[in-house]
Amino acid sequence: MQLTLDIPDDVARSLPLPQEERRQRLQTEMACLLYSKGWLSYGQAARVSGLDYYRFGFELGDRNIPRQMSEEDVEHELAYAHRQQHVSRL
């Protein structure tokens, strides 16, 4: 199922966002909010935002929303950081 959110035109126009950024920014805001409430997992929220896994993490950080990480998530992040450190040394 896909859910569409209807926002009245006058309300959308009143947002302090350029028209070409509205959809993406609203998706990101919604994803961050739902993640912060614990309603979506990190992966689900990243998909809703339309951003990749790591960019979504930056968006959470910009909003001071703490990551709710499992042990598996921590291991994944550490492995990625280790790989990046190794690549940067080459």
PDB file of N, CA and C in Angstrom:
ATOM      1  N   MET A   1       0.842  -1.171   0.000  1.00  0.00           N
ATOM      2  CA  MET A   1       0.000   0.000   0.000  1.00  0.00           C
ATOM      3  C   MET A   1       0.893   1.241   0.000  1.00  0.00           C
ATOM      4  N   GLN A   2       0.502   2.211  -0.787  1.00  0.00           N
ATOM      5  CA  GLN A   2       1.191   3.489  -0.788  1.00  0.00           C
ATOM      6  C   GLN A   2       0.228   4.532  -0.242  1.00  0.00           C
ATOM      7  N   LEU A   3       0.742   5.385   0.620  1.00  0.00           N
ATOM      8  CA  LEU A   3      -0.067   6.417   1.261  1.00  0.00           C
ATOM      9  C   LEU A   3       0.346   7.772   0.706  1.00  0.00           C
ATOM     10  N   THR A   4      -0.637   8.560   0.323  1.00  0.00           N
ATOM     11  CA  THR A   4      -0.385   9.902  -0.192  1.00  0.00           C
ATOM     12  C   THR A   4      -0.959  10.911   0.789  1.00  0.00           C
ATOM     13  N   LEU A   5      -0.172  11.910   1.108  1.00  0.00           N
ATOM     14  CA  LEU A   5      -0.605  12.957   2.021  1.00  0.00           C
ATOM     15  C   LEU A   5      -1.007  14.173   1.206  1.00  0.00           C
ATOM     16  N   ASP A   6      -2.229  14.632   1.382  1.00  0.00           N
ATOM     17  CA  ASP A   6      -2.709  15.817   0.669  1.00  0.00           C
ATOM     18  C   ASP A   6      -2.511  17.052   1.533  1.00  0.00           C
ATOM     19  N   ILE A   7      -1.833  18.030   0.977  1.00  0.00           N
ATOM     20  CA  ILE A   7      -1.617  19.304   1.653  1.00  0.00           C
ATOM     21  C   ILE A   7      -2.259  20.364   0.760  1.00  0.00           C
ATOM     22  N   PRO A   8      -3.180  21.139   1.299  1.00  0.00           N
ATOM     23  CA  PRO A   8      -3.833  22.165   0.479  1.00  0.00           C
ATOM     24  C   PRO A   8      -2.802  23.083  -0.184  1.00  0.00           C
ATOM     25  N   ASP A   9      -3.094  23.492  -1.418  1.00  0.00           N
ATOM     26  CA  ASP A   9      -2.167  24.328  -2.179  1.00  0.00           C
ATOM     27  C   ASP A   9      -1.747  25.581  -1.427  1.00  0.00           C
ATOM     28  N   ASP A  10      -2.690  26.252  -0.782  1.00  0.00           N
ATOM     29  CA  ASP A  10      -2.338  27.498  -0.092  1.00  0.00           C
ATOM     30  C   ASP A  10      -1.388  27.239   1.072  1.00  0.00           C
ATOM     31  N   VAL A  11      -1.556  26.102   1.724  1.00  0.00           N
ATOM     32  CA  VAL A  11      -0.654  25.740   2.821  1.00  0.00           C
ATOM     33  C   VAL A  11       0.735  25.410   2.263  1.00  0.00           C
ATOM     34  N   ALA A  12       0.779  24.620   1.191  1.00  0.00           N
ATOM     35  CA  ALA A  12       2.062  24.271   0.577  1.00  0.00           C
ATOM     36  C   ALA A  12       2.804  25.518   0.105  1.00  0.00           C
ATOM     37  N   ARG A  13       2.090  26.453  -0.496  1.00  0.00           N
ATOM     38  CA  ARG A  13       2.722  27.693  -0.969  1.00  0.00           C
ATOM     39  C   ARG A  13       3.242  28.543   0.190  1.00  0.00           C
ATOM     40  N   SER A  14       2.643  28.405   1.358  1.00  0.00           N
ATOM     41  CA  SER A  14       3.075  29.223   2.492  1.00  0.00           C
ATOM     42  C   SER A  14       4.326  28.671   3.181  1.00  0.00           C
ATOM     43  N   LEU A  15       4.735  27.474   2.822  1.00  0.00           N
ATOM     44  CA  LEU A  15       5.943  26.898   3.417  1.00  0.00           C
ATOM     45  C   LEU A  15       7.163  27.691   2.969  1.00  0.00           C
ATOM     46  N   PRO A  16       8.105  27.918   3.869  1.00  0.00           N
ATOM     47  CA  PRO A  16       9.298  28.706   3.512  1.00  0.00           C
ATOM     48  C   PRO A  16      10.337  27.861   2.772  1.00  0.00           C
ATOM     49  N   LEU A  17       9.880  27.194   1.713  1.00  0.00           N
ATOM     50  CA  LEU A  17      10.747  26.317   0.935  1.00  0.00           C
ATOM     51  C   LEU A  17      10.560  26.611  -0.549  1.00  0.00           C
ATOM     52  N   PRO A  18      11.631  26.542  -1.322  1.00  0.00           N
ATOM     53  CA  PRO A  18      11.464  26.658  -2.771  1.00  0.00           C
ATOM     54  C   PRO A  18      10.561  25.523  -3.268  1.00  0.00           C
ATOM     55  N   GLN A  19       9.740  25.806  -4.238  1.00  0.00           N
ATOM     56  CA  GLN A  19       8.780  24.829  -4.740  1.00  0.00           C
ATOM     57  C   GLN A  19       9.452  23.513  -5.122  1.00  0.00           C
ATOM     58  N   GLU A  20      10.623  23.589  -5.752  1.00  0.00           N
ATOM     59  CA  GLU A  20      11.293  22.372  -6.221  1.00  0.00           C
ATOM     60  C   GLU A  20      11.844  21.511  -5.080  1.00  0.00           C
ATOM     61  N   GLU A  21      11.926  22.065  -3.875  1.00  0.00           N
ATOM     62  CA  GLU A  21      12.440  21.308  -2.723  1.00  0.00           C
ATOM     63  C   GLU A  21      11.334  20.789  -1.806  1.00  0.00           C
ATOM     64  N   ARG A  22      10.114  21.236  -1.984  1.00  0.00           N
ATOM     65  CA  ARG A  22       9.047  20.934  -1.021  1.00  0.00           C
ATOM     66  C   ARG A  22       8.824  19.447  -0.802  1.00  0.00           C
ATOM     67  N   ARG A  23       8.663  18.707  -1.869  1.00  0.00           N
ATOM     68  CA  ARG A  23       8.357  17.278  -1.718  1.00  0.00           C
ATOM     69  C   ARG A  23       9.462  16.557  -0.943  1.00  0.00           C
ATOM     70  N   GLN A  24      10.702  16.731  -1.367  1.00  0.00           N
ATOM     71  CA  GLN A  24      11.827  16.052  -0.712  1.00  0.00           C
ATOM     72  C   GLN A  24      11.951  16.475   0.743  1.00  0.00           C
ATOM     73  N   ARG A  25      11.865  17.756   1.011  1.00  0.00           N
ATOM     74  CA  ARG A  25      12.024  18.250   2.374  1.00  0.00           C
ATOM     75  C   ARG A  25      10.901  17.764   3.274  1.00  0.00           C
ATOM     76  N   LEU A  26       9.665  17.745   2.757  1.00  0.00           N
ATOM     77  CA  LEU A  26       8.544  17.253   3.564  1.00  0.00           C
ATOM     78  C   LEU A  26       8.670  15.756   3.833  1.00  0.00           C
ATOM     79  N   GLN A  27       9.132  15.008   2.843  1.00  0.00           N
ATOM     80  CA  GLN A  27       9.358  13.574   3.056  1.00  0.00           C
ATOM     81  C   GLN A  27      10.410  13.357   4.127  1.00  0.00           C
ATOM     82  N   THR A  28      11.471  14.131   4.081  1.00  0.00           N
ATOM     83  CA  THR A  28      12.538  14.003   5.075  1.00  0.00           C
ATOM     84  C   THR A  28      12.030  14.377   6.454  1.00  0.00           C
ATOM     85  N   GLU A  29      11.290  15.474   6.552  1.00  0.00           N
ATOM     86  CA  GLU A  29      10.746  15.892   7.851  1.00  0.00           C
ATOM     87  C   GLU A  29       9.817  14.822   8.424  1.00  0.00           C
ATOM     88  N   MET A  30       8.957  14.268   7.587  1.00  0.00           N
ATOM     89  CA  MET A  30       8.021  13.233   8.042  1.00  0.00           C
ATOM     90  C   MET A  30       8.786  11.994   8.505  1.00  0.00           C
ATOM     91  N   ALA A  31       9.786  11.606   7.737  1.00  0.00           N
ATOM     92  CA  ALA A  31      10.572  10.424   8.091  1.00  0.00           C
ATOM     93  C   ALA A  31      11.295  10.622   9.424  1.00  0.00           C
ATOM     94  N   CYS A  32      11.883  11.794   9.614  1.00  0.00           N
ATOM     95  CA  CYS A  32      12.589  12.079  10.870  1.00  0.00           C
ATOM     96  C   CYS A  32      11.625  12.066  12.054  1.00  0.00           C
ATOM     97  N   LEU A  33      10.467  12.660  11.874  1.00  0.00           N
ATOM     98  CA  LEU A  33       9.476  12.690  12.950  1.00  0.00           C
ATOM     99  C   LEU A  33       9.017  11.276  13.315  1.00  0.00           C
ATOM    100  N   LEU A  34       8.675  10.480  12.313  1.00  0.00           N
ATOM    101  CA  LEU A  34       8.192   9.121  12.585  1.00  0.00           C
ATOM    102  C   LEU A  34       9.279   8.254  13.206  1.00  0.00           C
ATOM    103  N   TYR A  35      10.530   8.464  12.780  1.00  0.00           N
ATOM    104  CA  TYR A  35      11.639   7.736  13.389  1.00  0.00           C
ATOM    105  C   TYR A  35      11.825   8.154  14.845  1.00  0.00           C
ATOM    106  N   SER A  36      11.760   9.462  15.110  1.00  0.00           N
ATOM    107  CA  SER A  36      11.982   9.949  16.476  1.00  0.00           C
ATOM    108  C   SER A  36      10.913   9.437  17.433  1.00  0.00           C
ATOM    109  N   LYS A  37       9.724   9.174  16.928  1.00  0.00           N
ATOM    110  CA  LYS A  37       8.646   8.633  17.755  1.00  0.00           C
ATOM    111  C   LYS A  37       8.748   7.109  17.918  1.00  0.00           C
ATOM    112  N   GLY A  38       9.673   6.499  17.177  1.00  0.00           N
ATOM    113  CA  GLY A  38       9.817   5.045  17.244  1.00  0.00           C
ATOM    114  C   GLY A  38       8.796   4.307  16.394  1.00  0.00           C
ATOM    115  N   TRP A  39       8.121   5.021  15.524  1.00  0.00           N
ATOM    116  CA  TRP A  39       7.093   4.402  14.689  1.00  0.00           C
ATOM    117  C   TRP A  39       7.680   3.705  13.469  1.00  0.00           C
ATOM    118  N   LEU A  40       8.867   4.138  13.048  1.00  0.00           N
ATOM    119  CA  LEU A  40       9.567   3.518  11.924  1.00  0.00           C
ATOM    120  C   LEU A  40      10.968   3.137  12.349  1.00  0.00           C
ATOM    121  N   SER A  41      11.453   2.054  11.779  1.00  0.00           N
ATOM    122  CA  SER A  41      12.857   1.695  11.991  1.00  0.00           C
ATOM    123  C   SER A  41      13.725   2.660  11.192  1.00  0.00           C
ATOM    124  N   TYR A  42      15.006   2.600  11.423  1.00  0.00           N
ATOM    125  CA  TYR A  42      15.936   3.475  10.702  1.00  0.00           C
ATOM    126  C   TYR A  42      15.828   3.241   9.196  1.00  0.00           C
ATOM    127  N   GLY A  43      15.867   1.984   8.791  1.00  0.00           N
ATOM    128  CA  GLY A  43      15.794   1.655   7.362  1.00  0.00           C
ATOM    129  C   GLY A  43      14.489   2.107   6.735  1.00  0.00           C
ATOM    130  N   GLN A  44      13.385   1.892   7.442  1.00  0.00           N
ATOM    131  CA  GLN A  44      12.087   2.330   6.922  1.00  0.00           C
ATOM    132  C   GLN A  44      12.052   3.846   6.769  1.00  0.00           C
ATOM    133  N   ALA A  45      12.528   4.549   7.786  1.00  0.00           N
ATOM    134  CA  ALA A  45      12.516   6.013   7.751  1.00  0.00           C
ATOM    135  C   ALA A  45      13.417   6.536   6.628  1.00  0.00           C
ATOM    136  N   ALA A  46      14.560   5.914   6.432  1.00  0.00           N
ATOM    137  CA  ALA A  46      15.443   6.329   5.340  1.00  0.00           C
ATOM    138  C   ALA A  46      14.734   6.156   4.000  1.00  0.00           C
ATOM    139  N   ARG A  47      14.019   5.060   3.831  1.00  0.00           N
ATOM    140  CA  ARG A  47      13.271   4.833   2.590  1.00  0.00           C
ATOM    141  C   ARG A  47      12.181   5.877   2.404  1.00  0.00           C
ATOM    142  N   VAL A  48      11.443   6.190   3.464  1.00  0.00           N
ATOM    143  CA  VAL A  48      10.392   7.208   3.380  1.00  0.00           C
ATOM    144  C   VAL A  48      11.003   8.557   2.990  1.00  0.00           C
ATOM    145  N   SER A  49      12.169   8.868   3.540  1.00  0.00           N
ATOM    146  CA  SER A  49      12.811  10.151   3.258  1.00  0.00           C
ATOM    147  C   SER A  49      13.279  10.261   1.812  1.00  0.00           C
ATOM    148  N   GLY A  50      13.523   9.117   1.184  1.00  0.00           N
ATOM    149  CA  GLY A  50      14.069   9.125  -0.171  1.00  0.00           C
ATOM    150  C   GLY A  50      15.567   9.354  -0.205  1.00  0.00           C
ATOM    151  N   LEU A  51      16.190   9.335   0.967  1.00  0.00           N
ATOM    152  CA  LEU A  51      17.628   9.553   1.073  1.00  0.00           C
ATOM    153  C   LEU A  51      18.340   8.223   1.276  1.00  0.00           C
ATOM    154  N   ASP A  52      19.634   8.204   0.998  1.00  0.00           N
ATOM    155  CA  ASP A  52      20.373   6.977   1.281  1.00  0.00           C
ATOM    156  C   ASP A  52      20.597   6.856   2.791  1.00  0.00           C
ATOM    157  N   TYR A  53      21.031   5.690   3.175  1.00  0.00           N
ATOM    158  CA  TYR A  53      21.198   5.318   4.575  1.00  0.00           C
ATOM    159  C   TYR A  53      22.025   6.338   5.349  1.00  0.00           C
ATOM    160  N   TYR A  54      23.146   6.767   4.772  1.00  0.00           N
ATOM    161  CA  TYR A  54      24.069   7.650   5.484  1.00  0.00           C
ATOM    162  C   TYR A  54      23.592   9.100   5.471  1.00  0.00           C
ATOM    163  N   ARG A  55      23.021   9.546   4.370  1.00  0.00           N
ATOM    164  CA  ARG A  55      22.508  10.927   4.323  1.00  0.00           C
ATOM    165  C   ARG A  55      21.371  11.109   5.314  1.00  0.00           C
ATOM    166  N   PHE A  56      20.535  10.072   5.464  1.00  0.00           N
ATOM    167  CA  PHE A  56      19.445  10.155   6.432  1.00  0.00           C
ATOM    168  C   PHE A  56      20.014  10.307   7.845  1.00  0.00           C
ATOM    169  N   GLY A  57      21.106   9.637   8.131  1.00  0.00           N
ATOM    170  CA  GLY A  57      21.757   9.782   9.434  1.00  0.00           C
ATOM    171  C   GLY A  57      22.196  11.214   9.692  1.00  0.00           C
ATOM    172  N   PHE A  58      22.704  11.884   8.654  1.00  0.00           N
ATOM    173  CA  PHE A  58      23.080  13.295   8.803  1.00  0.00           C
ATOM    174  C   PHE A  58      21.853  14.156   9.093  1.00  0.00           C
ATOM    175  N   GLU A  59      20.746  13.849   8.443  1.00  0.00           N
ATOM    176  CA  GLU A  59      19.514  14.613   8.678  1.00  0.00           C
ATOM    177  C   GLU A  59      19.052  14.450  10.129  1.00  0.00           C
ATOM    178  N   LEU A  60      19.158  13.242  10.666  1.00  0.00           N
ATOM    179  CA  LEU A  60      18.802  13.034  12.073  1.00  0.00           C
ATOM    180  C   LEU A  60      19.721  13.868  12.972  1.00  0.00           C
ATOM    181  N   GLY A  61      21.008  13.845  12.672  1.00  0.00           N
ATOM    182  CA  GLY A  61      21.966  14.609  13.463  1.00  0.00           C
ATOM    183  C   GLY A  61      21.683  16.100  13.424  1.00  0.00           C
ATOM    184  N   ASP A  62      21.320  16.605  12.247  1.00  0.00           N
ATOM    185  CA  ASP A  62      20.992  18.031  12.121  1.00  0.00           C
ATOM    186  C   ASP A  62      19.814  18.420  13.002  1.00  0.00           C
ATOM    187  N   ARG A  63      18.948  17.452  13.308  1.00  0.00           N
ATOM    188  CA  ARG A  63      17.758  17.713  14.123  1.00  0.00           C
ATOM    189  C   ARG A  63      17.938  17.253  15.566  1.00  0.00           C
ATOM    190  N   ASN A  64      19.146  16.837  15.910  1.00  0.00           N
ATOM    191  CA  ASN A  64      19.448  16.323  17.256  1.00  0.00           C
ATOM    192  C   ASN A  64      18.542  15.164  17.654  1.00  0.00           C
ATOM    193  N   ILE A  65      18.249  14.308  16.684  1.00  0.00           N
ATOM    194  CA  ILE A  65      17.451  13.111  16.950  1.00  0.00           C
ATOM    195  C   ILE A  65      18.428  11.956  17.148  1.00  0.00           C
ATOM    196  N   PRO A  66      18.460  11.368  18.342  1.00  0.00           N
ATOM    197  CA  PRO A  66      19.414  10.284  18.598  1.00  0.00           C
ATOM    198  C   PRO A  66      19.064   9.032  17.811  1.00  0.00           C
ATOM    199  N   ARG A  67      20.100   8.328  17.391  1.00  0.00           N
ATOM    200  CA  ARG A  67      19.917   7.057  16.701  1.00  0.00           C
ATOM    201  C   ARG A  67      19.540   6.001  17.728  1.00  0.00           C
ATOM    202  N   GLN A  68      18.576   5.193  17.392  1.00  0.00           N
ATOM    203  CA  GLN A  68      18.162   4.062  18.224  1.00  0.00           C
ATOM    204  C   GLN A  68      18.800   2.828  17.597  1.00  0.00           C
ATOM    205  N   MET A  69      19.973   2.484  18.096  1.00  0.00           N
ATOM    206  CA  MET A  69      20.766   1.460  17.429  1.00  0.00           C
ATOM    207  C   MET A  69      20.795   0.154  18.204  1.00  0.00           C
ATOM    208  N   SER A  70      20.616  -0.921  17.449  1.00  0.00           N
ATOM    209  CA  SER A  70      20.778  -2.249  18.012  1.00  0.00           C
ATOM    210  C   SER A  70      22.270  -2.597  17.973  1.00  0.00           C
ATOM    211  N   GLU A  71      22.619  -3.697  18.598  1.00  0.00           N
ATOM    212  CA  GLU A  71      24.013  -4.144  18.555  1.00  0.00           C
ATOM    213  C   GLU A  71      24.438  -4.405  17.120  1.00  0.00           C
ATOM    214  N   GLU A  72      23.548  -4.961  16.330  1.00  0.00           N
ATOM    215  CA  GLU A  72      23.841  -5.232  14.915  1.00  0.00           C
ATOM    216  C   GLU A  72      24.084  -3.922  14.155  1.00  0.00           C
ATOM    217  N   ASP A  73      23.287  -2.895  14.445  1.00  0.00           N
ATOM    218  CA  ASP A  73      23.470  -1.591  13.809  1.00  0.00           C
ATOM    219  C   ASP A  73      24.849  -1.018  14.138  1.00  0.00           C
ATOM    220  N   VAL A  74      25.243  -1.113  15.403  1.00  0.00           N
ATOM    221  CA  VAL A  74      26.542  -0.593  15.832  1.00  0.00           C
ATOM    222  C   VAL A  74      27.664  -1.326  15.099  1.00  0.00           C
ATOM    223  N   GLU A  75      27.553  -2.640  14.995  1.00  0.00           N
ATOM    224  CA  GLU A  75      28.572  -3.430  14.298  1.00  0.00           C
ATOM    225  C   GLU A  75      28.659  -3.021  12.828  1.00  0.00           C
ATOM    226  N   HIS A  76      27.513  -2.804  12.195  1.00  0.00           N
ATOM    227  CA  HIS A  76      27.474  -2.377  10.794  1.00  0.00           C
ATOM    228  C   HIS A  76      28.167  -1.031  10.632  1.00  0.00           C
ATOM    229  N   GLU A  77      27.872  -0.085  11.504  1.00  0.00           N
ATOM    230  CA  GLU A  77      28.469   1.252  11.430  1.00  0.00           C
ATOM    231  C   GLU A  77      29.985   1.189  11.660  1.00  0.00           C
ATOM    232  N   LEU A  78      30.404   0.400  12.625  1.00  0.00           N
ATOM    233  CA  LEU A  78      31.843   0.279  12.895  1.00  0.00           C
ATOM    234  C   LEU A  78      32.577  -0.369  11.735  1.00  0.00           C
ATOM    235  N   ALA A  79      31.974  -1.384  11.122  1.00  0.00           N
ATOM    236  CA  ALA A  79      32.595  -2.041   9.972  1.00  0.00           C
ATOM    237  C   ALA A  79      32.722  -1.060   8.805  1.00  0.00           C
ATOM    238  N   TYR A  80      31.689  -0.270   8.586  1.00  0.00           N
ATOM    239  CA  TYR A  80      31.734   0.732   7.515  1.00  0.00           C
ATOM    240  C   TYR A  80      32.841   1.754   7.789  1.00  0.00           C
ATOM    241  N   ALA A  81      32.915   2.249   9.014  1.00  0.00           N
ATOM    242  CA  ALA A  81      33.942   3.235   9.373  1.00  0.00           C
ATOM    243  C   ALA A  81      35.332   2.645   9.191  1.00  0.00           C
ATOM    244  N   HIS A  82      35.503   1.390   9.559  1.00  0.00           N
ATOM    245  CA  HIS A  82      36.797   0.732   9.408  1.00  0.00           C
ATOM    246  C   HIS A  82      37.173   0.630   7.923  1.00  0.00           C
ATOM    247  N   ARG A  83      36.209   0.257   7.079  1.00  0.00           N
ATOM    248  CA  ARG A  83      36.471   0.155   5.649  1.00  0.00           C
ATOM    249  C   ARG A  83      36.854   1.529   5.073  1.00  0.00           C
ATOM    250  N   GLN A  84      36.163   2.573   5.500  1.00  0.00           N
ATOM    251  CA  GLN A  84      36.444   3.920   5.016  1.00  0.00           C
ATOM    252  C   GLN A  84      37.842   4.380   5.441  1.00  0.00           C
ATOM    253  N   GLN A  85      38.218   4.037   6.671  1.00  0.00           N
ATOM    254  CA  GLN A  85      39.541   4.403   7.168  1.00  0.00           C
ATOM    255  C   GLN A  85      40.617   3.691   6.349  1.00  0.00           C
ATOM    256  N   HIS A  86      40.376   2.419   6.033  1.00  0.00           N
ATOM    257  CA  HIS A  86      41.323   1.640   5.252  1.00  0.00           C
ATOM    258  C   HIS A  86      41.465   2.225   3.846  1.00  0.00           C
ATOM    259  N   VAL A  87      40.360   2.599   3.223  1.00  0.00           N
ATOM    260  CA  VAL A  87      40.382   3.154   1.867  1.00  0.00           C
ATOM    261  C   VAL A  87      41.122   4.487   1.854  1.00  0.00           C
ATOM    262  N   SER A  88      40.922   5.308   2.871  1.00  0.00           N
ATOM    263  CA  SER A  88      41.554   6.624   2.890  1.00  0.00           C
ATOM    264  C   SER A  88      43.067   6.524   3.052  1.00  0.00           C
ATOM    265  N   ARG A  89      43.553   5.422   3.561  1.00  0.00           N
ATOM    266  CA  ARG A  89      45.003   5.238   3.723  1.00  0.00           C
ATOM    267  C   ARG A  89      45.678   4.826   2.423  1.00  0.00           C
ATOM    268  N   LEU A  90      44.889   4.330   1.478  1.00  0.00           N
ATOM    269  CA  LEU A  90      45.487   3.845   0.216  1.00  0.00           C
ATOM    270  C   LEU A  90      45.950   4.933  -0.663  1.00  0.00           C
TER     271      LEU A  90
END
